Amino acid sequence: MFTGIISHRGTFKGYRRAKMEMILEAPGFVRRLSVGDSVSVDGVCLSVVRKDSRRLFFNLSRETLALTTLGSLRPGTEVNLELPLTPSSLLGGHLVSGHVDYKARLLRSVPRAPGKRLVFSLPPEFRPYIILKGSVALNGVSLTIAEVGPTSFEVELIPITLAESDLGAVKPGDEVNVECDMIGKYAYNVKVLRNLQEERILKKCR
């Protein structure tokens, strides 16, 4: 479990084993981790399988390659890193599981000094989980939804987010990893199940 508050950044160095293994360089971050530890990498929860003094090695599953941006990184690309939430951690963002829902494409980037507003694609199946003033994690960054349309949503980036995460480098056409709010997903599904139960009860009464 994570909070969406980025603590470090790493540099993608390359793939091994036909993209089934990923290598990141993060010298100041490596010493805080042991083999088996979980790390949020651009919003994707991964386990450290190997490490040396400067690099971290992660396995990538077929699902991770299909559903996230981690299978299309270029050497030198910076990624957001976050250690897991602990009982003593401040919950500065929102609860983030590291399980990506979909990849959103950046449609527009609008400068709004001192920050900028980003407009992302929104498939209809995920529209119920994206609400005005709700939370969303983009590449692992906890953000508040500023505007919602039928097929898009918008977020506002403040200067510290632009400086401390990789979202400042995202250009129109690029994709980011999206994790919808966990509590929102549970609440929506509880409502759906309750409606189904009520329909079954009504059918029995007829």
Protein backbone atom coordinates (compact mmCIF):
# COMPACT_ATOMS: atom_id res chain seq x y z
CA MET A 1 0.00 0.00 0.00
CA PHE A 2 1.25 3.49 -0.91
CA THR A 3 0.16 7.12 -0.50
CA GLY A 4 0.95 8.64 -3.90
CA ILE A 5 3.53 11.02 -2.44
CA ILE A 6 6.70 10.52 -4.48
CA SER A 7 9.88 10.25 -2.39
CA HIS A 8 12.50 9.44 -5.03
CA ARG A 9 13.09 9.15 -8.74
CA GLY A 10 15.00 6.47 -10.60
CA THR A 11 16.42 6.09 -14.10
CA PHE A 12 15.40 3.26 -16.39
CA LYS A 13 18.50 1.44 -17.66
CA GLY A 14 17.06 -1.37 -19.75
CA TYR A 15 15.31 -4.74 -19.98
CA ARG A 16 16.53 -8.32 -19.76
CA ARG A 17 14.96 -11.69 -20.56
CA ALA A 18 12.70 -10.35 -23.34
CA LYS A 19 11.34 -7.54 -21.14
CA MET A 20 10.50 -9.91 -18.28
CA GLU A 21 13.08 -8.13 -16.10
CA MET A 22 13.59 -4.39 -15.67
CA ILE A 23 16.65 -2.54 -14.39
CA LEU A 24 16.50 0.83 -12.62
CA GLU A 25 19.34 2.98 -11.35
CA ALA A 26 18.60 4.76 -8.07
CA PRO A 27 21.80 5.10 -5.99
CA GLY A 28 20.28 7.00 -3.06
CA PHE A 29 17.29 4.70 -2.93
CA VAL A 30 18.93 1.26 -3.20
CA ARG A 31 20.35 1.17 0.33
CA ARG A 32 16.87 1.55 1.81
CA LEU A 33 15.67 -1.68 0.19
CA SER A 34 16.18 -5.40 0.57
CA VAL A 35 15.44 -8.20 -1.86
CA GLY A 36 11.72 -8.98 -1.66
CA ASP A 37 10.68 -5.45 -0.69
CA SER A 38 7.82 -3.76 -2.55
CA VAL A 39 8.32 -0.50 -4.43
CA SER A 40 5.93 1.68 -6.41
CA VAL A 41 7.52 2.30 -9.82
CA ASP A 42 5.50 4.88 -11.78
CA GLY A 43 2.49 3.71 -9.79
CA VAL A 44 3.07 -0.03 -10.31
CA CYS A 45 3.74 -2.21 -7.26
CA LEU A 46 6.85 -4.33 -7.96
CA SER A 47 9.09 -6.54 -5.83
CA VAL A 48 12.87 -6.19 -5.75
CA VAL A 49 14.37 -9.47 -7.03
CA ARG A 50 18.02 -8.37 -7.04
CA LYS A 51 20.11 -5.29 -6.26
CA ASP A 52 23.65 -3.97 -6.32
CA SER A 53 25.15 -0.71 -5.04
CA ARG A 54 23.35 1.44 -7.63
CA ARG A 55 20.71 -0.65 -9.38
CA LEU A 56 17.42 -2.40 -8.66
CA PHE A 57 16.10 -5.38 -10.63
CA PHE A 58 12.38 -6.20 -10.95
CA ASN A 59 10.42 -8.95 -12.68
CA LEU A 60 7.64 -7.82 -15.03
CA SER A 61 4.63 -10.08 -15.53
CA ARG A 62 2.70 -10.33 -18.78
CA GLU A 63 -0.17 -8.41 -17.18
CA THR A 64 2.18 -5.61 -16.10
CA LEU A 65 3.58 -5.36 -19.61
CA ALA A 66 0.06 -5.26 -21.09
CA LEU A 67 -1.66 -2.88 -18.67
CA THR A 68 1.09 -0.39 -17.76
CA THR A 69 3.70 1.79 -19.40
CA LEU A 70 6.61 -0.18 -17.91
CA GLY A 71 7.03 -2.24 -21.07
CA SER A 72 7.65 0.78 -23.29
CA LEU A 73 10.28 2.77 -21.38
CA ARG A 74 13.35 4.15 -23.12
CA PRO A 75 16.81 4.07 -21.53
CA GLY A 76 17.37 7.26 -19.55
CA THR A 77 13.67 7.76 -18.78
CA GLU A 78 13.03 8.87 -15.19
CA VAL A 79 10.39 7.08 -13.14
CA ASN A 80 8.65 7.88 -9.86
CA LEU A 81 9.56 5.75 -6.83
CA GLU A 82 7.78 5.36 -3.50
CA LEU A 83 8.33 3.09 -0.51
CA PRO A 84 5.29 1.33 0.98
CA LEU A 85 3.08 2.96 3.59
CA THR A 86 3.92 2.02 7.22
CA PRO A 87 1.81 2.40 10.41
CA SER A 88 3.86 5.49 11.31
CA SER A 89 3.68 7.12 7.86
CA LEU A 90 1.73 10.30 7.22
CA LEU A 91 -1.09 9.69 4.74
CA GLY A 92 -0.34 12.82 2.73
CA GLY A 93 -2.07 11.62 -0.45
CA HIS A 94 -4.63 8.81 -0.62
CA LEU A 95 -4.58 5.01 -0.40
CA VAL A 96 -2.84 3.66 -3.51
CA SER A 97 -2.49 -0.08 -4.09
CA GLY A 98 -0.04 0.00 -6.99
CA HIS A 99 -2.47 -1.98 -9.18
CA VAL A 100 -2.95 -0.02 -12.38
CA ASP A 101 -6.44 0.17 -13.92
CA TYR A 102 -5.54 1.47 -17.38
CA LYS A 103 -3.16 3.62 -19.41
CA ALA A 104 -4.44 7.15 -20.11
CA ARG A 105 -3.22 9.22 -23.04
CA LEU A 106 -2.40 12.89 -22.46
CA LEU A 107 -4.70 14.87 -24.74
CA ARG A 108 -3.69 18.42 -23.84
CA SER A 109 -1.21 20.24 -21.62
CA VAL A 110 -2.27 23.76 -20.68
CA PRO A 111 0.20 26.12 -18.90
CA ARG A 112 -1.37 27.75 -15.84
CA ALA A 113 1.35 29.66 -14.05
CA PRO A 114 2.95 28.65 -11.81
CA GLY A 115 1.83 25.12 -12.76
CA LYS A 116 -0.06 23.44 -15.59
CA ARG A 117 -3.29 21.54 -16.26
CA LEU A 118 -3.24 18.15 -17.96
CA VAL A 119 -6.19 16.59 -19.79
CA PHE A 120 -6.25 12.78 -20.03
CA SER A 121 -8.39 10.23 -21.88
CA LEU A 122 -11.11 8.44 -19.90
CA PRO A 123 -12.64 5.18 -21.22
CA PRO A 124 -16.36 4.79 -20.41
CA GLU A 125 -15.82 1.70 -18.23
CA PHE A 126 -13.75 3.77 -15.77
CA ARG A 127 -15.99 6.84 -15.76
CA PRO A 128 -17.89 5.74 -12.56
CA TYR A 129 -14.63 5.87 -10.57
CA ILE A 130 -13.52 9.35 -11.68
CA ILE A 131 -15.40 12.09 -9.82
CA LEU A 132 -14.92 15.84 -9.49
CA LYS A 133 -12.63 16.64 -6.53
CA GLY A 134 -11.95 12.93 -6.05
CA SER A 135 -8.53 11.30 -6.01
CA VAL A 136 -6.59 9.55 -8.75
CA ALA A 137 -3.01 8.25 -8.99
CA LEU A 138 -1.10 9.06 -12.21
CA ASN A 139 2.28 7.32 -12.51
CA GLY A 140 1.93 6.81 -8.77
CA VAL A 141 1.33 10.50 -7.99
CA SER A 142 -1.71 11.27 -5.84
CA LEU A 143 -3.73 14.04 -7.52
CA THR A 144 -7.12 15.70 -7.18
CA ILE A 145 -9.44 15.59 -10.19
CA ALA A 146 -10.14 19.17 -11.30
CA GLU A 147 -12.65 18.51 -14.10
CA VAL A 148 -14.47 15.53 -15.59
CA GLY A 149 -16.00 15.20 -19.05
CA PRO A 150 -17.69 12.32 -20.90
CA THR A 151 -14.37 11.01 -22.29
CA SER A 152 -11.66 12.91 -20.39
CA PHE A 153 -10.59 14.20 -17.00
CA GLU A 154 -8.26 17.00 -15.89
CA VAL A 155 -5.73 17.43 -13.11
CA GLU A 156 -3.81 20.48 -11.94
CA LEU A 157 -0.06 20.18 -11.34
CA ILE A 158 1.56 22.52 -8.84
CA PRO A 159 5.26 23.46 -9.07
CA ILE A 160 6.43 20.85 -6.53
CA THR A 161 4.70 18.07 -8.50
CA LEU A 162 6.31 19.27 -11.72
CA ALA A 163 9.73 19.34 -10.04
CA GLU A 164 9.57 16.14 -7.98
CA SER A 165 7.78 13.72 -10.35
CA ASP A 166 8.01 12.63 -13.97
CA LEU A 167 4.62 14.16 -14.83
CA GLY A 168 6.28 17.45 -15.76
CA ALA A 169 7.90 15.73 -18.75
CA VAL A 170 4.72 14.08 -20.10
CA LYS A 171 3.78 15.37 -23.58
CA PRO A 172 0.52 15.14 -25.55
CA GLY A 173 0.28 11.61 -26.94
CA ASP A 174 2.24 10.07 -24.06
CA GLU A 175 0.59 7.52 -21.78
CA VAL A 176 0.55 7.36 -17.99
CA ASN A 177 -0.49 4.67 -15.53
CA VAL A 178 -3.86 5.35 -13.91
CA GLU A 179 -5.11 3.90 -10.65
CA CYS A 180 -8.63 4.99 -9.73
CA ASP A 181 -9.48 5.65 -6.10
CA MET A 182 -9.69 2.34 -4.22
CA ILE A 183 -12.48 3.43 -1.88
CA GLY A 184 -14.47 4.74 -4.83
CA LYS A 185 -14.17 1.39 -6.61
CA TYR A 186 -15.38 -0.52 -3.56
CA ALA A 187 -18.26 1.91 -2.97
CA TYR A 188 -19.39 1.69 -6.59
CA ASN A 189 -19.29 -2.11 -6.59
CA VAL A 190 -21.20 -2.31 -3.30
CA LYS A 191 -23.90 -0.16 -4.91
CA VAL A 192 -24.00 -2.40 -8.00
CA LEU A 193 -24.29 -5.55 -5.86
CA ARG A 194 -27.01 -4.00 -3.72
CA ASN A 195 -29.00 -3.11 -6.84
CA LEU A 196 -28.65 -6.70 -8.11
CA GLN A 197 -29.86 -8.08 -4.80
CA GLU A 198 -32.86 -5.76 -4.83
CA GLU A 199 -33.71 -6.86 -8.38
CA ARG A 200 -33.57 -10.53 -7.33
CA ILE A 201 -35.83 -9.85 -4.33
CA LEU A 202 -38.35 -8.03 -6.53
CA LYS A 203 -38.39 -10.91 -9.04
CA LYS A 204 -39.11 -13.41 -6.25
CA CYS A 205 -41.99 -11.25 -4.97
CA ARG A 206 -43.69 -11.04 -8.36
